[in-house]
Amino acid sequence: MSRIRLHPTTARRSRRLAAATAVAATTAALLASALSPASVAADRPTRAGAIENAASALLAHAASLGLTSAEGTSVRDVIVDADGTQHVRYDRTYRQLPVLGGDFVVHLAPDGKYRSANRATRSEISLASIVPSISAPKAADLAANALRAVNLGETLKQLTAKPQLVVDALHGTPKLAWRTQVAAKDSLGNPVARTVLTDARTGRQIDAWDDIETATGDGKSLYSGTVPLETTLSGSTYQLKDPTRGNTYTGDAANKTDLCFLTNICISRAPSTVFTDTDNHWGTGAASDRASAAVDAQYGTDVTWDFYKNTFGRNGIGGDGKGSYNRVHYGNAYNNAFWDDSCFCMTYGDGDGTTFGPLVSLDVAGHEMTHGVTSKTAALTYSGESGGLNEATSDILGTLVEWYANNSSDPGDYLIGEKIVKSGFGREALRYMDKPSKDGNSADYWSSSVGNLDVHYSSGVANHFAYLLAEGSGAKTINGVGYNSPTSNGSTVTGIGRDKLGRIWYRALTVYMTSSTNYAGARTATLNAAKDLYGAGSTEYNAVAAAWSAVNVN
């Protein structure tokens, strides 16, 4: 039980006046107990309580949320702030069809009263019919052609497509649509996959995006030196499985590939045989030892888990304490790494040895696992400006994972993937946060055409914002790396540090952003987050506004 310790002078006075103040002291003690941290914590709403409060709010505010008798809701995520403020995130259906852009977040006061809501779209849903004019096989054919179109010159094998009827509320007036997940293998046997959104009346392609989100214990790793690992002893053999972090493990994909949809339907899946060892000393630090890349992958998972838990109180990627798993040595000279929701796992290629080495570096691990966090929270659509924000979220928080690790073999920096690039790549990193255009493709500043860029390049606007917010503008050297970050408006921006950047971005992602958030919406979301954390008009709030203006998001 919490107790209040009196100042010595007050204690002496209390003893002298004990007889005269016995009743008052008893009352004060009861009051102190009532206001103790333990009592406040006990009064803090539970997840179940927040869901119950939100359900009542839905009934009372159905009209303003666009809910009708034809619509259903399901809870995706719940956040309860330290002061009891509640944020309940919902997905929506219309006549039992998933609604893309139907998600919304209900915000409740500590006493459970409704405050406000964020909606991905404000369009009202009213369809004359949910019977499509375009058949499912036709939608599958259209999606297959779309995948072929973005893989010109490749002979695609084992091509499969799975259409699902949905309501599209992301692109203007809500309409019936086919969301088709199409996948195949390229000439090297590596997976290619795309989601294609097709108008179910006309057959017109509405949108399309890649399904593979790319970035790209004691053990001797390839990139991070000798690192500690928590493992599991099974008989006389150690498994590279961490019982302290949800049984997260790393397995060998044996250079095989798989073909899966995001709906947990897999035509085939590469093996993921957990690594084992007899003496609990893993890898040699050389790529020729298959366990070395596994050490990097497991270590990256461990550090990312700890970063989210110790910084934000998030228990695992899904916030549910469950571990993900890693597959290394995937495919044939595979120049990629990706997070896959269908297996709740990370997959790493070995690279071709000329452009990339094994893609298991610390910031890549943090990047990929953050895609999992995004999918469980804002679920930013992987196309247009929201797609750029999805990628930037992984770059920003993945970079903060690298800083959090404080590893002398891979010190923190604002370069993305600097450890995995080879001399044949032509530059020192995949991406640069201080001046994204240094990669030759990324945008430094927002313009009306940014949403037309590949999501790895439109992400530059948010990456640049994040660097400016943390470190400020101008030339400087940090951890031995030189940076020189410009601003679109010629302003001088003063940074507020990485810790505050991370807290503001994470709160914006998990509390205010939705699937359709664009750059203007991200400015609003981060300002709301800064106001929550530090107060309206605070130095931090003003710095967020200045950093966005410096990248032309006003």
Protein backbone atom coordinates (compact mmCIF):
# COMPACT_ATOMS: atom_id res chain seq x y z
CA MET A 1 0.00 0.00 0.00
CA SER A 2 1.23 3.53 -0.79
CA ARG A 3 2.04 5.66 2.23
CA ILE A 4 2.71 9.37 2.56
CA ARG A 5 5.93 10.11 4.42
CA LEU A 6 5.77 13.34 6.42
CA HIS A 7 8.56 15.89 6.44
CA PRO A 8 10.52 15.57 9.78
CA THR A 9 9.35 18.99 11.03
CA THR A 10 5.77 18.12 10.26
CA ALA A 11 6.23 14.77 11.97
CA ARG A 12 7.41 16.40 15.23
CA ARG A 13 4.49 18.81 15.14
CA SER A 14 2.14 15.90 14.54
CA ARG A 15 3.43 14.11 17.65
CA ARG A 16 2.93 17.20 19.84
CA LEU A 17 -0.61 17.67 18.61
CA ALA A 18 -1.49 13.98 18.35
CA ALA A 19 -4.19 14.00 21.00
CA ALA A 20 -5.89 17.09 19.61
CA THR A 21 -5.85 15.94 16.02
CA ALA A 22 -6.56 12.22 16.17
CA VAL A 23 -9.81 12.49 14.24
CA ALA A 24 -8.31 14.85 11.65
CA ALA A 25 -5.30 12.58 11.19
CA THR A 26 -7.52 9.59 10.64
CA THR A 27 -9.53 11.54 8.07
CA ALA A 28 -6.34 12.70 6.34
CA ALA A 29 -5.00 9.15 6.23
CA LEU A 30 -8.19 7.92 4.64
CA LEU A 31 -8.04 10.75 2.11
CA ALA A 32 -4.39 10.02 1.33
CA SER A 33 -5.20 6.37 0.82
CA ALA A 34 -8.06 7.28 -1.49
CA LEU A 35 -5.75 9.44 -3.58
CA SER A 36 -2.81 7.04 -3.64
CA PRO A 37 -1.42 5.79 -6.98
CA ALA A 38 -2.70 2.28 -6.24
CA SER A 39 -6.21 3.60 -5.75
CA VAL A 40 -6.04 5.70 -8.92
CA ALA A 41 -4.76 2.69 -10.86
CA ALA A 42 -7.60 0.59 -9.50
CA ASP A 43 -10.11 3.15 -10.75
CA ARG A 44 -8.56 3.29 -14.22
CA PRO A 45 -10.96 1.84 -16.80
CA THR A 46 -10.19 -1.65 -18.06
CA ARG A 47 -10.17 -2.66 -21.73
CA ALA A 48 -13.55 -4.32 -21.23
CA GLY A 49 -14.87 -1.20 -19.53
CA ALA A 50 -13.63 1.01 -22.37
CA ILE A 51 -15.35 -1.23 -24.93
CA GLU A 52 -18.59 -1.10 -22.92
CA ASN A 53 -18.40 2.71 -22.70
CA ALA A 54 -17.71 2.96 -26.42
CA ALA A 55 -20.66 0.69 -27.21
CA SER A 56 -22.93 3.09 -25.34
CA ALA A 57 -21.41 5.99 -27.26
CA LEU A 58 -22.11 4.25 -30.57
CA LEU A 59 -25.79 4.00 -29.70
CA ALA A 60 -26.01 7.64 -28.68
CA HIS A 61 -23.96 9.02 -31.58
CA ALA A 62 -24.77 6.60 -34.39
CA ALA A 63 -25.93 9.35 -36.74
CA SER A 64 -22.78 11.45 -36.42
CA LEU A 65 -20.67 8.32 -36.99
CA GLY A 66 -22.66 7.43 -40.10
CA LEU A 67 -23.95 4.18 -38.57
CA THR A 68 -27.23 2.74 -39.78
CA SER A 69 -29.06 -0.54 -39.23
CA ALA A 70 -27.26 -1.93 -42.29
CA GLU A 71 -23.87 -1.49 -40.67
CA GLY A 72 -21.95 -3.53 -38.13
CA THR A 73 -18.85 -2.77 -36.10
CA SER A 74 -16.02 -4.74 -34.51
CA VAL A 75 -13.33 -3.56 -32.11
CA ARG A 76 -9.81 -3.59 -33.55
CA ASP A 77 -7.79 -1.91 -30.78
CA VAL A 78 -8.20 -0.24 -27.37
CA ILE A 79 -5.93 2.30 -25.68
CA VAL A 80 -6.54 3.55 -22.13
CA ASP A 81 -4.37 6.54 -21.15
CA ALA A 82 -2.83 6.90 -17.71
CA ASP A 83 -5.52 9.45 -16.76
CA GLY A 84 -8.31 7.06 -17.83
CA THR A 85 -9.05 8.64 -21.21
CA GLN A 86 -10.17 5.89 -23.57
CA HIS A 87 -9.70 5.40 -27.32
CA VAL A 88 -11.54 2.52 -28.99
CA ARG A 89 -10.82 1.74 -32.65
CA TYR A 90 -13.48 0.06 -34.81
CA ASP A 91 -13.77 -1.61 -38.20
CA ARG A 92 -17.09 -1.40 -40.02
CA THR A 93 -19.18 -3.65 -42.26
CA TYR A 94 -22.09 -2.78 -44.54
CA ARG A 95 -24.63 -5.56 -45.00
CA GLN A 96 -21.87 -7.89 -43.73
CA LEU A 97 -19.32 -6.71 -46.33
CA PRO A 98 -16.03 -5.18 -45.07
CA VAL A 99 -15.90 -1.42 -45.58
CA LEU A 100 -12.53 -0.07 -46.74
CA GLY A 101 -12.23 3.32 -45.07
CA GLY A 102 -15.03 2.51 -42.65
CA ASP A 103 -12.72 2.46 -39.65
CA PHE A 104 -13.07 5.04 -36.90
CA VAL A 105 -11.77 5.80 -33.39
CA VAL A 106 -14.09 6.79 -30.53
CA HIS A 107 -12.53 9.02 -27.84
CA LEU A 108 -14.01 8.90 -24.33
CA ALA A 109 -13.37 10.89 -21.16
CA PRO A 110 -12.06 9.08 -18.03
CA ASP A 111 -15.65 8.78 -16.80
CA GLY A 112 -16.64 7.08 -20.07
CA LYS A 113 -18.48 10.04 -21.59
CA TYR A 114 -18.17 10.56 -25.35
CA ARG A 115 -15.77 13.29 -26.47
CA SER A 116 -15.19 12.91 -30.20
CA ALA A 117 -14.33 10.50 -33.00
CA ASN A 118 -11.91 10.23 -35.91
CA ARG A 119 -13.33 8.69 -39.08
CA ALA A 120 -11.32 7.45 -42.03
CA THR A 121 -14.04 8.79 -44.30
CA ARG A 122 -17.16 10.82 -43.67
CA SER A 123 -19.01 9.49 -46.72
CA GLU A 124 -22.40 8.00 -45.94
CA ILE A 125 -22.89 4.44 -47.18
CA SER A 126 -26.05 3.66 -49.10
CA LEU A 127 -25.88 1.09 -51.91
CA ALA A 128 -28.86 0.12 -54.02
CA SER A 129 -27.56 -3.45 -54.24
CA ILE A 130 -24.64 -5.56 -53.15
CA VAL A 131 -24.92 -7.86 -56.17
CA PRO A 132 -21.88 -7.26 -58.44
CA SER A 133 -22.09 -6.83 -62.21
CA ILE A 134 -18.52 -8.09 -62.58
CA SER A 135 -18.13 -11.73 -61.58
CA ALA A 136 -15.49 -12.96 -59.16
CA PRO A 137 -13.59 -14.86 -61.91
CA LYS A 138 -13.54 -11.72 -64.05
CA ALA A 139 -12.22 -9.68 -61.10
CA ALA A 140 -9.52 -12.32 -60.58
CA ASP A 141 -8.48 -12.08 -64.24
CA LEU A 142 -8.29 -8.28 -64.07
CA ALA A 143 -6.14 -8.46 -60.95
CA ALA A 144 -3.84 -11.06 -62.53
CA ASN A 145 -3.33 -8.76 -65.51
CA ALA A 146 -2.54 -5.90 -63.13
CA LEU A 147 0.16 -8.01 -61.44
CA ARG A 148 1.65 -8.93 -64.83
CA ALA A 149 1.64 -5.25 -65.83
CA VAL A 150 3.91 -4.24 -62.94
CA ASN A 151 6.22 -7.22 -63.51
CA LEU A 152 7.00 -6.71 -67.18
CA GLY A 153 9.70 -8.99 -68.47
CA GLU A 154 9.05 -11.58 -65.77
CA THR A 155 7.55 -14.99 -66.37
CA LEU A 156 5.14 -15.41 -63.48
CA LYS A 157 4.44 -18.89 -62.20
CA GLN A 158 1.85 -20.38 -59.84
CA LEU A 159 -0.31 -17.29 -60.21
CA THR A 160 -3.41 -17.32 -58.02
CA ALA A 161 -6.02 -14.68 -57.24
CA LYS A 162 -8.64 -14.50 -54.49
CA PRO A 163 -11.36 -11.84 -54.90
CA GLN A 164 -13.41 -10.58 -51.94
CA LEU A 165 -16.48 -8.39 -52.27
CA VAL A 166 -16.14 -5.18 -50.24
CA VAL A 167 -17.50 -1.66 -49.99
CA ASP A 168 -14.91 0.93 -51.01
CA ALA A 169 -15.34 4.13 -49.01
CA LEU A 170 -11.74 5.25 -49.47
CA HIS A 171 -12.09 6.64 -52.98
CA GLY A 172 -14.97 9.11 -53.13
CA THR A 173 -18.58 7.98 -53.06
CA PRO A 174 -18.85 4.51 -51.48
CA LYS A 175 -19.20 1.78 -54.09
CA LEU A 176 -19.27 -1.98 -54.37
CA ALA A 177 -15.82 -3.33 -55.23
CA TRP A 178 -13.74 -6.46 -55.53
CA ARG A 179 -10.58 -6.53 -53.40
CA THR A 180 -8.43 -9.18 -55.05
CA GLN A 181 -5.21 -10.45 -53.56
CA VAL A 182 -3.12 -11.87 -56.38
CA ALA A 183 0.23 -13.59 -55.96
CA ALA A 184 2.78 -15.51 -58.00
CA LYS A 185 6.45 -16.43 -58.19
CA ASP A 186 8.94 -14.70 -60.43
CA SER A 187 11.63 -16.36 -62.57
CA LEU A 188 13.87 -16.83 -59.52
CA GLY A 189 11.06 -18.38 -57.53
CA ASN A 190 10.63 -15.33 -55.28
CA PRO A 191 7.13 -14.11 -54.40
CA VAL A 192 5.38 -11.14 -55.97
CA ALA A 193 1.97 -10.07 -54.72
CA ARG A 194 -0.47 -7.22 -55.17
CA THR A 195 -3.89 -6.17 -53.95
CA VAL A 196 -6.11 -4.83 -56.72
CA LEU A 197 -9.31 -2.90 -56.04
CA THR A 198 -11.83 -3.17 -58.89
CA ASP A 199 -15.19 -1.44 -59.33
CA ALA A 200 -17.71 -4.31 -59.11
CA ARG A 201 -20.08 -2.52 -61.52
CA THR A 202 -17.75 -1.39 -64.30
CA GLY A 203 -14.56 -3.44 -63.91
CA ARG A 204 -12.49 -0.25 -63.68
CA GLN A 205 -9.37 -0.51 -61.50
CA ILE A 206 -9.82 1.83 -58.54
CA ASP A 207 -6.44 1.31 -56.87
CA ALA A 208 -3.68 -1.26 -56.41
CA TRP A 209 -0.77 -1.73 -54.04
CA ASP A 210 1.96 -4.21 -53.22
CA ASP A 211 1.11 -6.80 -50.58
CA ILE A 212 4.72 -7.37 -49.58
CA GLU A 213 5.72 -4.37 -47.49
CA THR A 214 9.39 -3.88 -48.22
CA ALA A 215 12.20 -1.87 -46.97
CA THR A 216 14.16 -3.64 -47.77
CA GLY A 217 21.67 -14.97 -28.10
CA ASP A 218 25.03 -15.03 -26.99
CA GLY A 219 25.45 -14.97 -30.70
CA LYS A 220 27.93 -13.57 -33.19
CA SER A 221 25.92 -11.53 -35.67
CA LEU A 222 26.71 -10.18 -39.11
CA TYR A 223 26.09 -6.53 -38.24
CA SER A 224 25.71 -6.00 -34.48
CA GLY A 225 28.69 -7.79 -32.99
CA THR A 226 28.25 -10.34 -30.22
CA VAL A 227 24.81 -9.98 -28.68
CA PRO A 228 22.86 -11.61 -25.82
CA LEU A 229 20.04 -14.01 -26.75
CA GLU A 230 17.32 -15.61 -24.67
CA THR A 231 16.84 -19.21 -25.84
CA THR A 232 14.85 -22.34 -24.90
CA LEU A 233 16.44 -25.55 -23.72
CA SER A 234 14.69 -28.64 -25.10
CA GLY A 235 16.31 -31.79 -23.80
CA SER A 236 20.01 -31.29 -24.44
CA THR A 237 19.48 -28.91 -27.36
CA TYR A 238 18.94 -25.16 -27.34
CA GLN A 239 16.32 -23.61 -29.61
CA LEU A 240 16.55 -20.04 -30.91
CA LYS A 241 13.20 -19.29 -29.28
CA ASP A 242 12.73 -16.56 -26.68
CA PRO A 243 10.31 -17.53 -23.88
CA THR A 244 10.59 -14.05 -22.34
CA ARG A 245 9.23 -12.35 -25.46
CA GLY A 246 6.17 -14.37 -26.41
CA ASN A 247 8.19 -17.38 -27.68
CA THR A 248 9.43 -15.41 -30.67
CA TYR A 249 11.74 -17.63 -32.68
CA THR A 250 13.93 -17.67 -35.79
CA GLY A 251 13.83 -20.45 -38.38
CA ASP A 252 15.67 -21.41 -41.53
CA ALA A 253 13.61 -21.06 -44.74
CA ALA A 254 16.19 -23.26 -46.51
CA ASN A 255 16.20 -20.89 -49.52
CA LYS A 256 12.63 -21.89 -50.31
CA THR A 257 9.75 -19.49 -51.00
CA ASP A 258 6.03 -19.57 -50.32
CA LEU A 259 2.83 -18.39 -51.88
CA CYS A 260 0.30 -16.99 -49.43
CA PHE A 261 -2.54 -14.51 -49.26
CA LEU A 262 -3.01 -12.06 -46.44
CA THR A 263 -6.14 -14.00 -45.50
CA ASN A 264 -4.10 -16.89 -44.04
CA ILE A 265 -4.71 -19.05 -47.13
CA CYS A 266 -1.40 -20.47 -48.32
CA ILE A 267 -0.88 -22.51 -51.44
CA SER A 268 2.56 -23.42 -50.15
CA ARG A 269 4.80 -22.10 -47.41
CA ALA A 270 8.55 -22.17 -47.11
CA PRO A 271 9.82 -24.12 -44.11
CA SER A 272 10.65 -22.35 -40.90
CA THR A 273 12.72 -24.90 -39.07
CA VAL A 274 13.75 -23.36 -35.76
CA PHE A 275 17.52 -23.02 -35.37
CA THR A 276 19.10 -25.27 -32.74
CA ASP A 277 22.51 -25.37 -31.08
CA THR A 278 24.27 -27.61 -28.58
CA ASP A 279 26.26 -25.04 -26.58
CA ASN A 280 24.02 -21.92 -26.76
CA HIS A 281 26.71 -19.94 -28.62
CA TRP A 282 25.25 -19.07 -32.00
CA GLY A 283 26.88 -18.10 -35.28
CA THR A 284 30.40 -17.10 -36.19
CA GLY A 285 29.73 -13.60 -37.47
CA ALA A 286 30.33 -14.79 -41.04
CA ALA A 287 27.63 -15.23 -43.68
CA SER A 288 28.95 -18.73 -44.44
CA ASP A 289 27.50 -19.85 -41.09
CA ARG A 290 23.71 -19.93 -41.56
CA ALA A 291 23.17 -19.20 -37.87
CA SER A 292 24.87 -15.79 -38.10
CA ALA A 293 21.98 -14.20 -40.01
CA ALA A 294 19.60 -15.89 -37.56
CA VAL A 295 21.39 -14.15 -34.69
CA ASP A 296 20.81 -10.76 -36.33
CA ALA A 297 17.14 -11.53 -36.95
CA GLN A 298 16.48 -12.77 -33.41
CA TYR A 299 18.40 -9.88 -31.88
CA GLY A 300 16.45 -7.41 -34.01
CA THR A 301 13.19 -8.94 -32.79
CA ASP A 302 14.34 -8.75 -29.18
CA VAL A 303 15.38 -5.12 -29.38
CA THR A 304 12.22 -4.10 -31.22
CA TRP A 305 10.04 -5.90 -28.66
CA ASP A 306 11.88 -4.14 -25.81
CA PHE A 307 11.70 -0.75 -27.53
CA TYR A 308 7.92 -0.91 -27.86
CA LYS A 309 7.40 -2.32 -24.38
CA ASN A 310 9.77 -0.06 -22.47
CA THR A 311 8.99 3.11 -24.43
CA PHE A 312 5.26 2.83 -25.02
CA GLY A 313 4.10 -0.02 -22.79
CA ARG A 314 3.15 -2.09 -25.84
CA ASN A 315 3.44 -5.82 -25.09
CA GLY A 316 4.47 -7.30 -28.43
CA ILE A 317 3.66 -6.28 -31.97
CA GLY A 318 -0.05 -6.99 -31.58
CA GLY A 319 -0.13 -5.58 -28.05
CA ASP A 320 -1.26 -9.01 -26.86
CA GLY A 321 2.01 -10.52 -25.62
CA LYS A 322 2.20 -12.97 -28.51
CA GLY A 323 5.52 -13.42 -30.28
CA SER A 324 6.09 -13.27 -34.01
CA TYR A 325 8.72 -15.32 -35.78
CA ASN A 326 11.51 -14.82 -38.30
CA ARG A 327 12.50 -16.72 -41.42
CA VAL A 328 16.03 -16.18 -42.74
CA HIS A 329 17.70 -17.50 -45.93
CA TYR A 330 14.48 -17.03 -47.88
CA GLY A 331 14.48 -17.43 -51.65
CA ASN A 332 17.31 -17.29 -54.13
CA ALA A 333 19.55 -14.20 -53.82
CA TYR A 334 16.39 -12.43 -52.61
CA ASN A 335 16.98 -8.67 -52.33
CA ASN A 336 14.16 -8.00 -49.90
CA ALA A 337 12.73 -8.36 -46.42
CA PHE A 338 9.05 -8.16 -45.53
CA TRP A 339 6.45 -8.40 -42.80
CA ASP A 340 3.48 -10.67 -43.52
CA ASP A 341 0.32 -10.35 -41.42
CA SER A 342 -0.95 -13.76 -42.55
CA CYS A 343 1.84 -15.57 -40.70
CA PHE A 344 2.58 -12.77 -38.22
CA CYS A 345 6.19 -13.15 -39.24
CA MET A 346 9.22 -11.44 -40.73
CA THR A 347 11.07 -12.85 -43.71
CA TYR A 348 14.61 -11.99 -44.78
CA GLY A 349 16.42 -12.65 -48.03
CA ASP A 350 20.18 -13.13 -48.30
CA GLY A 351 20.65 -10.44 -50.94
CA ASP A 352 22.52 -10.95 -54.18
CA GLY A 353 25.92 -10.13 -52.66
CA THR A 354 26.46 -7.26 -55.10
CA THR A 355 23.67 -4.82 -54.30
CA PHE A 356 22.70 -6.12 -50.86
CA GLY A 357 24.03 -8.48 -48.26
CA PRO A 358 21.67 -10.42 -45.99
CA LEU A 359 18.84 -8.02 -45.13
CA VAL A 360 18.84 -8.72 -41.38
CA SER A 361 20.18 -5.42 -40.02
CA LEU A 362 18.74 -3.89 -36.88
CA ASP A 363 16.91 -0.98 -38.52
CA VAL A 364 15.42 -3.32 -41.15
CA ALA A 365 14.10 -5.58 -38.37
CA GLY A 366 12.59 -2.58 -36.57
CA HIS A 367 11.13 -1.34 -39.86
CA GLU A 368 9.45 -4.65 -40.71
CA MET A 369 8.02 -5.29 -37.24
CA THR A 370 6.60 -1.77 -37.22
CA HIS A 371 4.53 -2.70 -40.28
CA GLY A 372 2.91 -5.20 -37.92
CA VAL A 373 2.21 -2.47 -35.35
CA THR A 374 0.68 -0.28 -38.06
CA SER A 375 -1.56 -3.11 -39.28
CA LYS A 376 -2.89 -3.59 -35.75
CA THR A 377 -3.54 0.12 -35.21
CA ALA A 378 -4.11 2.73 -37.93
CA ALA A 379 -3.85 0.17 -40.78
CA LEU A 380 -2.66 2.91 -43.15
CA THR A 381 -3.63 1.88 -46.68
CA TYR A 382 -0.50 0.93 -48.63
CA SER A 383 -1.03 3.34 -51.50
CA GLY A 384 -1.07 7.10 -52.11
CA GLU A 385 -0.16 9.45 -49.27
CA SER A 386 -1.37 6.98 -46.62
CA GLY A 387 1.03 4.41 -48.12
CA GLY A 388 3.89 6.88 -47.80
CA LEU A 389 2.94 7.43 -44.16
CA ASN A 390 2.85 3.65 -43.64
CA GLU A 391 6.41 3.30 -44.95
CA ALA A 392 7.58 6.40 -43.08
CA THR A 393 6.15 5.04 -39.84
CA SER A 394 8.36 1.98 -40.26
CA ASP A 395 11.40 4.10 -41.15
CA ILE A 396 10.85 6.49 -38.23
CA LEU A 397 10.18 3.92 -35.52
CA GLY A 398 12.67 1.43 -37.02
CA THR A 399 15.33 4.15 -36.79
CA LEU A 400 14.39 4.75 -33.16
CA VAL A 401 14.79 1.01 -32.52
CA GLU A 402 18.38 1.31 -33.76
CA TRP A 403 19.02 4.26 -31.44
CA TYR A 404 17.35 2.42 -28.56
CA ALA A 405 19.70 -0.56 -28.99
CA ASN A 406 22.74 1.62 -28.25
CA ASN A 407 24.92 -0.96 -29.99
CA SER A 408 28.49 0.17 -30.66
CA SER A 409 28.73 -2.13 -33.71
CA ASP A 410 25.66 -0.49 -35.25
CA PRO A 411 25.35 2.97 -33.70
CA GLY A 412 22.16 4.97 -34.15
CA ASP A 413 21.83 7.15 -37.24
CA TYR A 414 19.26 8.59 -39.64
CA LEU A 415 20.31 6.36 -42.53
CA ILE A 416 17.98 3.52 -43.54
CA GLY A 417 19.58 0.14 -44.28
CA GLU A 418 23.16 1.40 -44.28
CA LYS A 419 24.46 -1.95 -43.02
CA ILE A 420 22.98 -4.08 -45.80
CA VAL A 421 24.05 -2.08 -48.88
CA LYS A 422 27.08 -3.13 -50.90
CA SER A 423 29.41 -0.98 -52.99
CA GLY A 424 27.45 -2.04 -56.09
CA PHE A 425 24.41 -0.21 -54.74
CA GLY A 426 26.00 3.13 -55.59
CA ARG A 427 25.31 4.93 -52.32
CA GLU A 428 25.74 4.38 -48.59
CA ALA A 429 22.11 3.71 -47.60
CA LEU A 430 18.65 2.88 -48.90
CA ARG A 431 17.17 6.17 -47.68
CA TYR A 432 18.22 9.36 -45.90
CA MET A 433 15.97 11.03 -43.36
CA ASP A 434 17.73 14.41 -43.17
CA LYS A 435 17.42 15.00 -46.93
CA PRO A 436 15.43 12.18 -48.54
CA SER A 437 16.13 13.29 -52.12
CA LYS A 438 19.75 12.15 -51.69
CA ASP A 439 18.55 8.69 -52.72
CA GLY A 440 17.64 10.08 -56.14
CA ASN A 441 13.89 9.40 -55.89
CA SER A 442 12.37 10.43 -52.57
CA ALA A 443 10.52 13.68 -51.94
CA ASP A 444 11.94 16.22 -49.50
CA TYR A 445 8.72 18.24 -49.40
CA TRP A 446 5.02 17.75 -49.90
CA SER A 447 3.37 18.63 -53.22
CA SER A 448 0.05 17.65 -54.75
CA SER A 449 1.81 14.95 -56.78
CA VAL A 450 3.52 13.21 -53.84
CA GLY A 451 0.74 10.62 -53.61
CA ASN A 452 1.59 9.43 -57.13
CA LEU A 453 5.07 8.31 -56.09
CA ASP A 454 6.00 4.81 -54.96
CA VAL A 455 5.29 4.62 -51.22
CA HIS A 456 9.01 4.23 -50.45
CA TYR A 457 9.61 7.64 -52.04
CA SER A 458 6.50 9.53 -50.90
CA SER A 459 7.57 8.49 -47.39
CA GLY A 460 10.39 11.04 -47.69
CA VAL A 461 8.13 13.91 -46.60
CA ALA A 462 7.36 12.31 -43.24
CA ASN A 463 10.92 11.03 -42.80
CA HIS A 464 12.20 14.57 -43.34
CA PHE A 465 9.62 15.94 -40.87
CA ALA A 466 10.73 13.37 -38.28
CA TYR A 467 14.41 14.23 -38.64
CA LEU A 468 13.68 17.96 -38.35
CA LEU A 469 11.47 17.42 -35.30
CA ALA A 470 14.15 15.37 -33.55
CA GLU A 471 17.35 17.15 -34.59
CA GLY A 472 16.46 20.41 -36.27
CA SER A 473 17.62 21.93 -39.54
CA GLY A 474 21.08 22.80 -40.85
CA ALA A 475 24.47 21.13 -40.85
CA LYS A 476 25.56 18.97 -37.92
CA THR A 477 27.42 15.78 -37.09
CA ILE A 478 25.66 13.18 -34.93
CA ASN A 479 27.31 9.92 -33.83
CA GLY A 480 30.01 10.52 -36.42
CA VAL A 481 27.61 10.97 -39.35
CA GLY A 482 27.25 14.30 -41.11
CA TYR A 483 23.78 15.70 -41.88
CA ASN A 484 22.55 18.88 -43.51
CA SER A 485 18.78 19.16 -43.47
CA PRO A 486 17.12 21.94 -45.51
CA THR A 487 13.63 23.42 -45.17
CA SER A 488 11.16 24.29 -47.91
CA ASN A 489 10.35 27.71 -46.45
CA GLY A 490 13.88 28.73 -45.47
CA SER A 491 13.03 28.47 -41.78
CA THR A 492 15.32 27.33 -39.00
CA VAL A 493 13.84 24.43 -37.06
CA THR A 494 14.97 23.53 -33.55
CA GLY A 495 14.67 19.84 -32.68
CA ILE A 496 13.06 18.46 -29.53
CA GLY A 497 14.90 15.11 -29.44
CA ARG A 498 14.27 11.55 -30.52
CA ASP A 499 12.35 10.52 -27.42
CA LYS A 500 9.67 13.15 -27.92
CA LEU A 501 9.52 12.47 -31.66
CA GLY A 502 8.82 8.80 -30.91
CA ARG A 503 6.16 9.50 -28.31
CA ILE A 504 4.35 11.99 -30.54
CA TRP A 505 4.43 9.77 -33.65
CA TYR A 506 3.36 6.62 -31.78
CA ARG A 507 0.42 8.36 -30.13
CA ALA A 508 -0.64 9.90 -33.43
CA LEU A 509 -0.46 6.46 -35.08
CA THR A 510 -2.33 4.55 -32.40
CA VAL A 511 -4.89 7.15 -31.34
CA TYR A 512 -5.61 9.54 -34.22
CA MET A 513 -4.54 8.15 -37.61
CA THR A 514 -6.91 5.99 -39.67
CA SER A 515 -6.54 3.96 -42.84
CA SER A 516 -7.02 6.99 -45.10
CA THR A 517 -4.84 9.53 -43.26
CA ASN A 518 -2.91 11.73 -45.69
CA TYR A 519 -0.18 14.27 -44.99
CA ALA A 520 -2.60 17.01 -43.93
CA GLY A 521 -4.23 14.49 -41.62
CA ALA A 522 -0.84 13.45 -40.24
CA ARG A 523 -0.11 17.06 -39.33
CA THR A 524 -3.41 17.23 -37.43
CA ALA A 525 -2.83 13.84 -35.79
CA THR A 526 0.67 14.71 -34.56
CA LEU A 527 -0.46 18.11 -33.30
CA ASN A 528 -3.25 16.41 -31.36
CA ALA A 529 -0.71 13.95 -29.97
CA ALA A 530 1.67 16.77 -28.96
CA LYS A 531 -1.21 18.60 -27.30
CA ASP A 532 -2.14 15.47 -25.34
CA LEU A 533 1.42 14.82 -24.23
CA TYR A 534 2.82 18.31 -23.70
CA GLY A 535 -0.04 20.81 -23.94
CA ALA A 536 -1.40 23.14 -26.61
CA GLY A 537 1.04 25.96 -27.30
CA SER A 538 3.93 24.04 -25.69
CA THR A 539 7.42 24.07 -27.16
CA GLU A 540 6.80 20.56 -28.45
CA TYR A 541 3.45 21.47 -30.03
CA ASN A 542 4.97 24.47 -31.79
CA ALA A 543 7.94 22.38 -32.95
CA VAL A 544 5.59 19.86 -34.59
CA ALA A 545 3.84 22.67 -36.45
CA ALA A 546 7.17 24.22 -37.51
CA ALA A 547 8.62 20.89 -38.73
CA TRP A 548 5.55 20.17 -40.87
CA SER A 549 5.62 23.67 -42.35
CA ALA A 550 9.31 23.14 -43.11
CA VAL A 551 8.33 20.22 -45.39
CA ASN A 552 5.43 22.20 -46.93
CA VAL A 553 2.61 20.50 -45.02
CA ASN A 554 0.56 23.44 -43.74
